[in-house]
Each structure stands twice: as C-alpha cells, then as structure tokens.
Amino acid sequence: MKLRLQSQDLVKELSLAQGVVERKVTIPMLENVLLTAKGGALELTTTNLELGFRTSCEATVEEEGTIALPMLRLYEYVRLLPGQPMKISTTPTDAVSISSGSAKTRISGVDPRNFPKLADMPSDLVELPARPLLEAIRRTIISVSTETSHYSLAGALLLIRPEALGIVSTDGHRLSLYFEEQELPEVTDAIEGLVPRKAMAELQKILEDGTGSKDEPGVVAFGTAKKNMFFQSGRRLFVVQKMTGKFPNYRRVLPKDSAITLELNNHRLAQVLRRVSQFSDQRSRAVRFELENGKLQIEAAISQFGSSKESLLVDYEGTSLGIGFNAQYIIDFLGVCGSEQVLMQLRDAKGAAQFVVPDMPKQTDYRYVIMPIRV
C-alpha cells in the first residue's frame, strides 16, 4: 500500500469510525480499523460485531493494498497532525509509515486477513429522507434505557411506513415518540426493528455530519435483512445488528386526555429545575410540582442539605394539585425539544404528564410522557 491524501480528510472519517470500536474488547482484532487502498480512495472499516461502519476518503493511490491498524492510536495521532498532505505506505513487517511535513511515524499493524467482514447489503433498498430520521433520533434517544437488565428497553423501535417515519423509546419511566408524515413510495409494507442505543448515537453523528454537505445526499438508503439493518449515507455505510425481544405496547402509555394544559417557557423552566433539584435526592432527582391559581411552585428538600422552592406564573384557575417528577427527565426533554415554549399536560395528581411542542408542524406527532413519582 502506498498513497497520498489530506490529513484532515482522514481525521474526519476516523472520528466517525472510532465510535464503533469498543474501549475494552475480548477479541483483539476488533481494536483495529481495516484500511484498504484502491482506486482513488482509502477505505476504512470498523466493527464490534454488533455494529459495523465503512467509509472512505479521497486519496492518490500509487500502490493498492490493505492493513489493519490500532484504531485509537491511529486516530489520536493523525488528529494531532497539522492539516496538510500526508503519505502512508506499508512495510514488509505489517506496519505503516506515515509522513507529514517533518513528522515521520511508524505504527505497527496486524495481518488484515482475520478482520471480520461486514454483512452484505440487501439489493432491495429504499430511500428515506435523512432529516426526519435524524430528528427522530435526536428527540427519542434520551428515553432509551441504559440498564442492561432491561434488554428490550435498551433500544428504540424504528417504524417505517409508506406514509410515515418515526421512532419510539422508553425506559419504563418515560417515553419519547416522534413521527413525521412522509410519502415513502418505495416502502410497500411496514418495517420495524429495535435499534440499540449505541447504534442510535453513532447514526446520529453520521447524519449530522452528512446532512446538508455537498458530498452527502439528503437521503439515506435503508435496507433490512434477517439479522441486520443497513443505513447508507453517501459513501458511508452503517450496519446494525437487530436487537431481539419485543418492544412494549407504547400506545397504552400515551395519555388519552388531559384536564390541565400549562404553557411554559423552556429556558425558565429548565433553570428553575436545575436550581431546585440541587436539593433533591441525587438518585431519584425528585421535585414536587404544586399547582394553584396562577402559579406553579417547584420545590425539593433533602434533610442533610436543606430545601429550595421557586415559582412560575401560569395561566391556571382551578383546585390545587400536587405531583412529583424526576427533574432530570424534564430537563432532558427541554434540551432536545427545540422550542422556546412547551405545553405540559396533566390529567390529575396521579396520572402521567405529557409534554408537547405547540409550534410543531401538523404532520409531526411529537410527545414526551413521564410517569409521576412519590415525593
């Protein structure tokens, strides 16, 4: 292998590829990135067996070849180089020589023949608009469970229909739902699959980097096979192993009606919650909402530190109502909802609260539901 390319181009692709590589692996080969020089590009492949990623960057290839290099060492070194041309060439001893300006470095690699192959893409791909897929991930990833004991909740449900695209997630305490009406003529039957949280996070990075750029389209080629889902965004291919298990019936959780609707300022509510929750139990983050005529009071107390309460003016006339919530759950929603104003909908002092965005387009169904807790 012998080639020339711009260091900043390689860094950009390595920054996406390195997210797939686990920090602790039981199979040493999975610590590596597979580099393949062919045609006019350098191809990069990483995998942890559950996720796979392949991308490329432009290069002047003088000699084709392939080698596997330690992912993190290569990335950490190359990103520290100044943005200028660099040369990469392999040596007879499974290593590469990298030169950029006066910097000359040798990195030991391994025989690439044992590097795992990514699953083959199916031929029947459908085009999905990248923007609503990205928005669905951004707004629902917060509710994916991080507890390994809740396996079926450690991923989100991706739903693709001929007329809509969306994602639903829940950790058992809260639920995020984002659907956007889209005409998808290539989708003839409903498609669904459980996407792991890590896969959502990496796909979000890929779409954020590609959306709107000159060399990445505004669509994602999507395919599904028995065990995998495939997302192709321009030159980047992301392969996700489907999770097994059954996602809960999320429709049963969605509130069917609400007696109270409060319009709240996102920034003001978030500030109050951050201050008051400093005096809540740091595991439950429990705060109490006290609603009375014209005022919403948020309070928390913890015996060894003290207490805190603040009030917000609201348009409410009715009987007093008290209910407790995890403050962090609400803060998480406020951070991703993308709106200055939010609507908080309540049925009574025992039911779930639903948050919606008042200025959301009609073709978008976006809801965030959190269960009350005892305070």
Protein backbone atom coordinates (compact mmCIF):
# COMPACT_ATOMS: atom_id res chain seq x y z
CA MET A 1 0.00 0.00 0.00
CA LYS A 2 1.24 3.44 -0.91
CA LEU A 3 -0.87 6.58 -1.10
CA ARG A 4 -1.14 10.32 -0.53
CA LEU A 5 -4.07 12.20 0.99
CA GLN A 6 -5.05 15.20 3.12
CA SER A 7 -4.73 14.56 6.85
CA GLN A 8 -7.93 16.49 7.64
CA ASP A 9 -9.92 14.20 5.31
CA LEU A 10 -8.63 11.13 7.12
CA VAL A 11 -9.31 12.64 10.55
CA LYS A 12 -12.91 13.39 9.60
CA GLU A 13 -13.63 9.78 8.67
CA LEU A 14 -11.64 8.32 11.56
CA SER A 15 -13.63 10.44 14.01
CA LEU A 16 -16.81 8.69 12.84
CA ALA A 17 -15.25 5.25 12.52
CA GLN A 18 -13.72 5.23 16.00
CA GLY A 19 -17.14 5.47 17.67
CA VAL A 20 -17.89 1.87 16.71
CA VAL A 21 -14.74 0.49 18.35
CA GLU A 22 -15.20 -0.58 21.97
CA ARG A 23 -12.61 0.52 24.53
CA LYS A 24 -12.49 -2.97 26.06
CA VAL A 25 -12.70 -5.94 23.71
CA THR A 26 -12.36 -9.69 24.14
CA ILE A 27 -11.26 -10.15 20.52
CA PRO A 28 -8.05 -8.17 19.89
CA MET A 29 -8.72 -7.77 16.16
CA LEU A 30 -11.78 -5.61 16.96
CA GLU A 31 -9.47 -2.88 18.30
CA ASN A 32 -8.37 -2.22 14.73
CA VAL A 33 -9.51 -0.30 11.70
CA LEU A 34 -9.14 -2.01 8.34
CA LEU A 35 -7.50 0.30 5.78
CA THR A 36 -7.87 -0.59 2.11
CA ALA A 37 -6.29 1.50 -0.64
CA LYS A 38 -7.88 1.01 -4.04
CA GLY A 39 -8.97 3.12 -6.98
CA GLY A 40 -8.86 6.73 -5.92
CA ALA A 41 -9.74 6.28 -2.27
CA LEU A 42 -8.69 4.94 1.10
CA GLU A 43 -11.45 2.79 2.56
CA LEU A 44 -11.87 2.47 6.35
CA THR A 45 -13.83 -0.31 8.08
CA THR A 46 -14.53 -0.84 11.78
CA THR A 47 -16.77 -3.27 13.64
CA ASN A 48 -17.59 -4.56 17.11
CA LEU A 49 -19.62 -7.44 15.59
CA GLU A 50 -22.89 -5.74 16.58
CA LEU A 51 -22.19 -2.52 14.67
CA GLY A 52 -20.17 -2.05 11.52
CA PHE A 53 -19.05 1.07 9.69
CA ARG A 54 -17.40 1.58 6.32
CA THR A 55 -16.38 4.89 4.80
CA SER A 56 -13.69 6.32 2.52
CA CYS A 57 -11.76 9.45 1.72
CA GLU A 58 -10.16 10.65 -1.48
CA ALA A 59 -6.55 9.61 -1.98
CA THR A 60 -3.93 9.33 -4.69
CA VAL A 61 -3.21 5.60 -4.62
CA GLU A 62 0.17 4.61 -6.01
CA GLU A 63 0.02 1.02 -4.75
CA GLU A 64 -3.15 -0.78 -3.69
CA GLY A 65 -3.15 -2.80 -0.50
CA THR A 66 -4.74 -3.40 2.88
CA ILE A 67 -3.69 -3.47 6.54
CA ALA A 68 -5.34 -3.42 9.99
CA LEU A 69 -4.10 -0.74 12.42
CA PRO A 70 -4.98 0.02 16.06
CA MET A 71 -7.93 2.38 15.71
CA LEU A 72 -7.45 4.64 18.70
CA ARG A 73 -3.71 5.03 18.31
CA LEU A 74 -4.07 5.94 14.63
CA TYR A 75 -6.89 8.40 15.31
CA GLU A 76 -5.23 10.10 18.28
CA TYR A 77 -2.01 10.56 16.31
CA VAL A 78 -3.44 11.71 12.98
CA ARG A 79 -5.80 14.26 14.57
CA LEU A 80 -2.76 15.97 16.14
CA LEU A 81 -1.10 16.49 12.77
CA PRO A 82 -1.45 19.90 11.10
CA GLY A 83 -3.94 19.96 8.25
CA GLN A 84 -1.64 19.22 5.34
CA PRO A 85 -0.84 16.42 2.85
CA MET A 86 0.37 13.12 4.29
CA LYS A 87 1.83 9.91 2.89
CA ILE A 88 1.02 6.40 4.06
CA SER A 89 2.87 3.29 2.98
CA THR A 90 3.07 -0.24 4.35
CA THR A 91 6.27 -2.01 5.30
CA PRO A 92 7.12 -5.70 4.85
CA THR A 93 6.53 -6.28 8.59
CA ASP A 94 2.79 -5.44 8.87
CA ALA A 95 3.35 -1.79 9.78
CA VAL A 96 2.73 1.56 8.14
CA SER A 97 5.00 4.52 7.68
CA ILE A 98 3.27 7.90 7.96
CA SER A 99 4.94 11.12 6.91
CA SER A 100 3.51 14.64 7.04
CA GLY A 101 5.86 17.59 6.76
CA SER A 102 8.80 16.88 9.07
CA ALA A 103 6.80 14.29 11.08
CA LYS A 104 7.66 10.68 10.35
CA THR A 105 5.95 7.89 12.29
CA ARG A 106 5.74 4.12 12.18
CA ILE A 107 2.65 2.30 13.50
CA SER A 108 2.62 -1.47 13.89
CA GLY A 109 -0.37 -3.24 12.38
CA VAL A 110 -1.67 -6.78 12.05
CA ASP A 111 -2.47 -9.16 9.23
CA PRO A 112 -5.83 -8.00 7.84
CA ARG A 113 -6.96 -11.45 6.69
CA ASN A 114 -8.64 -12.17 10.04
CA PHE A 115 -10.59 -8.90 10.14
CA PRO A 116 -14.36 -9.65 10.30
CA LYS A 117 -16.34 -8.92 7.15
CA LEU A 118 -19.38 -6.69 7.28
CA ALA A 119 -22.70 -8.25 6.37
CA ASP A 120 -23.67 -7.98 2.71
CA MET A 121 -26.17 -5.27 1.90
CA PRO A 122 -29.53 -6.45 0.54
CA SER A 123 -30.42 -5.45 -3.00
CA ASP A 124 -33.88 -4.09 -2.19
CA LEU A 125 -33.03 -0.75 -0.61
CA VAL A 126 -35.48 2.08 -0.01
CA GLU A 127 -34.71 5.79 0.23
CA LEU A 128 -35.51 7.57 3.48
CA PRO A 129 -35.23 11.34 3.99
CA ALA A 130 -32.27 11.99 6.28
CA ARG A 131 -33.67 14.99 8.16
CA PRO A 132 -36.74 13.37 9.80
CA LEU A 133 -34.70 10.28 10.65
CA LEU A 134 -32.13 12.49 12.36
CA GLU A 135 -34.81 14.49 14.18
CA ALA A 136 -36.44 11.28 15.39
CA ILE A 137 -33.13 10.05 16.84
CA ARG A 138 -32.32 13.38 18.49
CA ARG A 139 -35.68 13.56 20.24
CA THR A 140 -36.04 9.93 21.35
CA ILE A 141 -32.56 8.74 22.35
CA ILE A 142 -32.99 10.34 25.79
CA SER A 143 -35.61 7.75 26.76
CA VAL A 144 -33.65 4.63 25.82
CA SER A 145 -32.79 2.62 28.92
CA THR A 146 -29.14 2.46 29.97
CA GLU A 147 -29.78 -0.51 32.27
CA THR A 148 -28.58 -3.79 30.77
CA SER A 149 -31.16 -5.74 32.80
CA HIS A 150 -33.96 -4.24 30.69
CA TYR A 151 -32.80 -5.68 27.38
CA SER A 152 -35.84 -4.86 25.24
CA LEU A 153 -35.78 -1.27 26.54
CA ALA A 154 -32.07 -0.80 25.73
CA GLY A 155 -33.04 0.12 22.19
CA ALA A 156 -35.64 2.19 20.37
CA LEU A 157 -38.34 0.99 18.00
CA LEU A 158 -37.77 2.25 14.45
CA LEU A 159 -41.01 2.33 12.48
CA ILE A 160 -41.11 2.91 8.72
CA ARG A 161 -44.46 3.01 6.95
CA PRO A 162 -45.49 4.02 3.44
CA GLU A 163 -46.87 7.26 4.87
CA ALA A 164 -44.68 7.98 7.93
CA LEU A 165 -41.30 7.55 9.59
CA GLY A 166 -40.62 7.59 13.31
CA ILE A 167 -39.04 6.23 16.47
CA VAL A 168 -40.44 5.34 19.90
CA SER A 169 -38.31 4.78 23.01
CA THR A 170 -38.98 4.10 26.68
CA ASP A 171 -37.02 3.15 29.78
CA GLY A 172 -40.11 2.24 31.76
CA HIS A 173 -40.27 5.65 33.49
CA ARG A 174 -40.69 7.89 30.46
CA LEU A 175 -41.50 7.60 26.77
CA SER A 176 -40.48 9.61 23.71
CA LEU A 177 -42.40 9.40 20.44
CA TYR A 178 -41.54 11.19 17.21
CA PHE A 179 -43.37 10.52 13.94
CA GLU A 180 -43.33 12.57 10.78
CA GLU A 181 -45.65 12.08 7.85
CA GLN A 182 -43.61 11.31 4.74
CA GLU A 183 -44.60 9.90 1.38
CA LEU A 184 -42.35 6.87 1.01
CA PRO A 185 -43.49 5.23 -2.24
CA GLU A 186 -40.68 2.65 -2.15
CA VAL A 187 -41.95 1.33 1.19
CA THR A 188 -44.77 -1.11 0.45
CA ASP A 189 -45.09 -2.79 3.86
CA ALA A 190 -44.48 -1.54 7.38
CA ILE A 191 -40.89 -2.08 8.54
CA GLU A 192 -39.84 -2.08 12.16
CA GLY A 193 -36.83 -3.05 14.24
CA LEU A 194 -35.18 -2.48 17.59
CA VAL A 195 -32.12 -0.23 17.31
CA PRO A 196 -29.58 -0.29 20.20
CA ARG A 197 -28.81 2.98 21.96
CA LYS A 198 -25.17 2.95 20.84
CA ALA A 199 -26.28 2.47 17.24
CA MET A 200 -28.62 5.45 17.54
CA ALA A 201 -25.81 7.63 18.90
CA GLU A 202 -23.40 6.66 16.12
CA LEU A 203 -26.03 7.02 13.38
CA GLN A 204 -26.86 10.47 14.75
CA LYS A 205 -23.20 11.51 14.33
CA ILE A 206 -23.12 10.19 10.78
CA LEU A 207 -26.32 12.00 9.78
CA GLU A 208 -25.30 15.23 11.50
CA ASP A 209 -22.03 15.24 9.60
CA GLY A 210 -23.60 14.36 6.27
CA THR A 211 -26.87 16.31 6.18
CA GLY A 212 -26.55 19.41 4.05
CA SER A 213 -22.96 18.85 2.93
CA LYS A 214 -22.00 18.84 -0.73
CA ASP A 215 -20.84 15.23 -0.93
CA GLU A 216 -23.63 13.64 1.14
CA PRO A 217 -27.21 13.32 -0.11
CA GLY A 218 -30.28 14.34 1.85
CA VAL A 219 -31.49 10.76 1.73
CA VAL A 220 -30.44 7.54 3.39
CA ALA A 221 -30.57 4.24 1.54
CA PHE A 222 -32.10 1.79 4.01
CA GLY A 223 -32.27 -1.97 3.86
CA THR A 224 -33.08 -4.78 6.23
CA ALA A 225 -32.17 -8.43 6.37
CA LYS A 226 -32.89 -11.18 8.86
CA LYS A 227 -30.29 -10.07 11.40
CA ASN A 228 -29.21 -6.58 10.31
CA MET A 229 -30.32 -3.13 9.27
CA PHE A 230 -28.29 -1.09 6.78
CA PHE A 231 -28.03 2.70 6.54
CA GLN A 232 -26.11 4.11 3.56
CA SER A 233 -25.47 7.86 3.63
CA GLY A 234 -23.37 8.81 0.63
CA ARG A 235 -20.04 7.00 0.90
CA ARG A 236 -20.74 5.88 4.48
CA LEU A 237 -22.33 2.54 5.30
CA PHE A 238 -23.57 1.76 8.82
CA VAL A 239 -24.61 -1.80 9.66
CA VAL A 240 -26.65 -2.51 12.80
CA GLN A 241 -27.42 -5.92 14.23
CA LYS A 242 -31.10 -6.01 15.18
CA MET A 243 -31.99 -6.50 18.81
CA THR A 244 -34.19 -9.43 19.66
CA GLY A 245 -37.10 -9.15 22.06
CA LYS A 246 -40.49 -7.49 21.99
CA PHE A 247 -40.93 -3.76 22.46
CA PRO A 248 -43.69 -2.81 24.93
CA ASN A 249 -47.10 -1.71 23.70
CA TYR A 250 -46.32 2.00 23.82
CA ARG A 251 -49.84 3.06 22.84
CA ARG A 252 -51.12 2.01 26.27
CA VAL A 253 -48.83 4.56 27.92
CA LEU A 254 -49.94 7.56 25.85
CA PRO A 255 -52.43 9.73 27.79
CA LYS A 256 -55.83 9.77 26.13
CA ASP A 257 -56.98 13.08 27.62
CA SER A 258 -55.80 15.92 29.83
CA ALA A 259 -57.70 18.26 32.12
CA ILE A 260 -54.89 20.78 32.55
CA THR A 261 -52.58 22.36 29.98
CA LEU A 262 -49.80 24.70 31.05
CA GLU A 263 -47.70 26.71 28.61
CA LEU A 264 -44.18 27.10 29.99
CA ASN A 265 -41.02 28.82 28.83
CA ASN A 266 -38.33 26.23 28.09
CA HIS A 267 -35.35 28.24 29.34
CA ARG A 268 -37.06 29.48 32.51
CA LEU A 269 -38.39 26.05 33.46
CA ALA A 270 -35.00 24.40 32.86
CA GLN A 271 -33.23 26.98 35.04
CA VAL A 272 -35.68 26.52 37.92
CA LEU A 273 -35.46 22.74 37.73
CA ARG A 274 -31.65 22.80 37.75
CA ARG A 275 -31.55 25.04 40.82
CA VAL A 276 -34.28 23.36 42.84
CA SER A 277 -33.12 19.81 42.05
CA GLN A 278 -29.82 20.56 43.79
CA PHE A 279 -31.82 19.88 46.96
CA SER A 280 -33.36 16.61 45.78
CA ASP A 281 -32.16 13.05 46.22
CA GLN A 282 -29.46 12.64 43.58
CA ARG A 283 -30.73 9.20 42.55
CA SER A 284 -34.41 9.98 42.14
CA ARG A 285 -33.96 13.72 41.35
CA ALA A 286 -37.48 14.08 42.76
CA VAL A 287 -39.10 17.51 42.80
CA ARG A 288 -42.68 18.40 43.66
CA PHE A 289 -44.94 20.48 41.45
CA GLU A 290 -47.62 22.42 43.36
CA LEU A 291 -50.20 23.95 41.07
CA GLU A 292 -52.63 26.58 42.29
CA ASN A 293 -54.37 29.64 40.86
CA GLY A 294 -51.92 31.49 38.62
CA LYS A 295 -48.81 29.80 39.99
CA LEU A 296 -46.71 26.67 39.56
CA GLN A 297 -44.40 26.11 42.52
CA ILE A 298 -41.50 23.69 42.18
CA GLU A 299 -39.85 22.51 45.38
CA ALA A 300 -37.45 19.93 46.75
CA ALA A 301 -35.98 19.13 50.15
CA ILE A 302 -33.29 16.84 51.50
CA SER A 303 -32.73 16.62 55.24
CA GLN A 304 -28.93 16.87 55.36
CA PHE A 305 -28.69 19.85 52.96
CA GLY A 306 -31.87 21.90 53.09
CA SER A 307 -34.69 22.84 50.75
CA SER A 308 -35.48 25.04 47.78
CA LYS A 309 -38.61 26.31 46.07
CA GLU A 310 -39.35 28.62 43.15
CA SER A 311 -42.50 29.70 41.37
CA LEU A 312 -43.53 30.27 37.78
CA LEU A 313 -46.56 32.26 36.68
CA VAL A 314 -49.04 30.12 34.73
CA ASP A 315 -52.47 30.51 33.21
CA TYR A 316 -54.37 28.22 35.56
CA GLU A 317 -57.55 28.54 37.58
CA GLY A 318 -58.74 25.54 39.50
CA THR A 319 -58.24 23.41 42.54
CA SER A 320 -54.76 22.91 43.95
CA LEU A 321 -52.81 19.93 42.66
CA GLY A 322 -49.55 18.38 43.81
CA ILE A 323 -47.47 15.86 41.89
CA GLY A 324 -43.84 14.69 41.84
CA PHE A 325 -41.47 14.13 38.91
CA ASN A 326 -37.86 13.29 38.20
CA ALA A 327 -36.43 16.73 37.40
CA GLN A 328 -33.70 15.31 35.16
CA TYR A 329 -36.28 13.66 32.91
CA ILE A 330 -37.91 17.03 32.25
CA ILE A 331 -34.54 18.74 31.76
CA ASP A 332 -33.59 16.07 29.20
CA PHE A 333 -36.73 16.81 27.19
CA LEU A 334 -36.23 20.57 27.34
CA GLY A 335 -32.73 20.09 25.96
CA VAL A 336 -33.86 18.30 22.79
CA CYS A 337 -37.37 19.60 22.07
CA GLY A 338 -36.09 22.55 20.03
CA SER A 339 -38.76 25.03 21.11
CA GLU A 340 -38.87 28.13 23.33
CA GLN A 341 -42.31 27.19 24.63
CA VAL A 342 -43.60 23.78 25.74
CA LEU A 343 -47.01 22.54 26.82
CA MET A 344 -47.29 20.39 29.94
CA GLN A 345 -50.50 18.38 30.01
CA LEU A 346 -51.87 16.77 33.18
CA ARG A 347 -54.97 14.73 33.90
CA ASP A 348 -54.79 14.62 37.72
CA ALA A 349 -52.35 14.20 40.61
CA LYS A 350 -51.73 10.52 39.86
CA GLY A 351 -51.52 10.29 36.08
CA ALA A 352 -48.56 10.70 33.73
CA ALA A 353 -47.58 14.11 32.41
CA GLN A 354 -47.30 14.67 28.68
CA PHE A 355 -45.10 17.34 27.14
CA VAL A 356 -45.70 18.58 23.60
CA VAL A 357 -44.35 21.42 21.46
CA PRO A 358 -47.01 23.97 20.47
CA ASP A 359 -45.35 25.11 17.23
CA MET A 360 -44.65 21.63 15.86
CA PRO A 361 -45.86 21.19 12.24
CA LYS A 362 -49.20 19.40 11.83
CA GLN A 363 -47.60 16.48 10.02
CA THR A 364 -45.39 15.74 13.04
CA ASP A 365 -46.50 13.79 16.10
CA TYR A 366 -44.03 14.50 18.90
CA ARG A 367 -44.77 13.58 22.51
CA TYR A 368 -42.84 13.04 25.72
CA VAL A 369 -44.53 11.22 28.58
CA ILE A 370 -43.14 10.85 32.11
CA MET A 371 -44.60 8.93 34.99
CA PRO A 372 -45.13 10.66 38.36
CA ILE A 373 -43.12 9.66 41.42
CA ARG A 374 -43.73 9.92 45.15
CA VAL A 375 -42.14 12.93 46.86
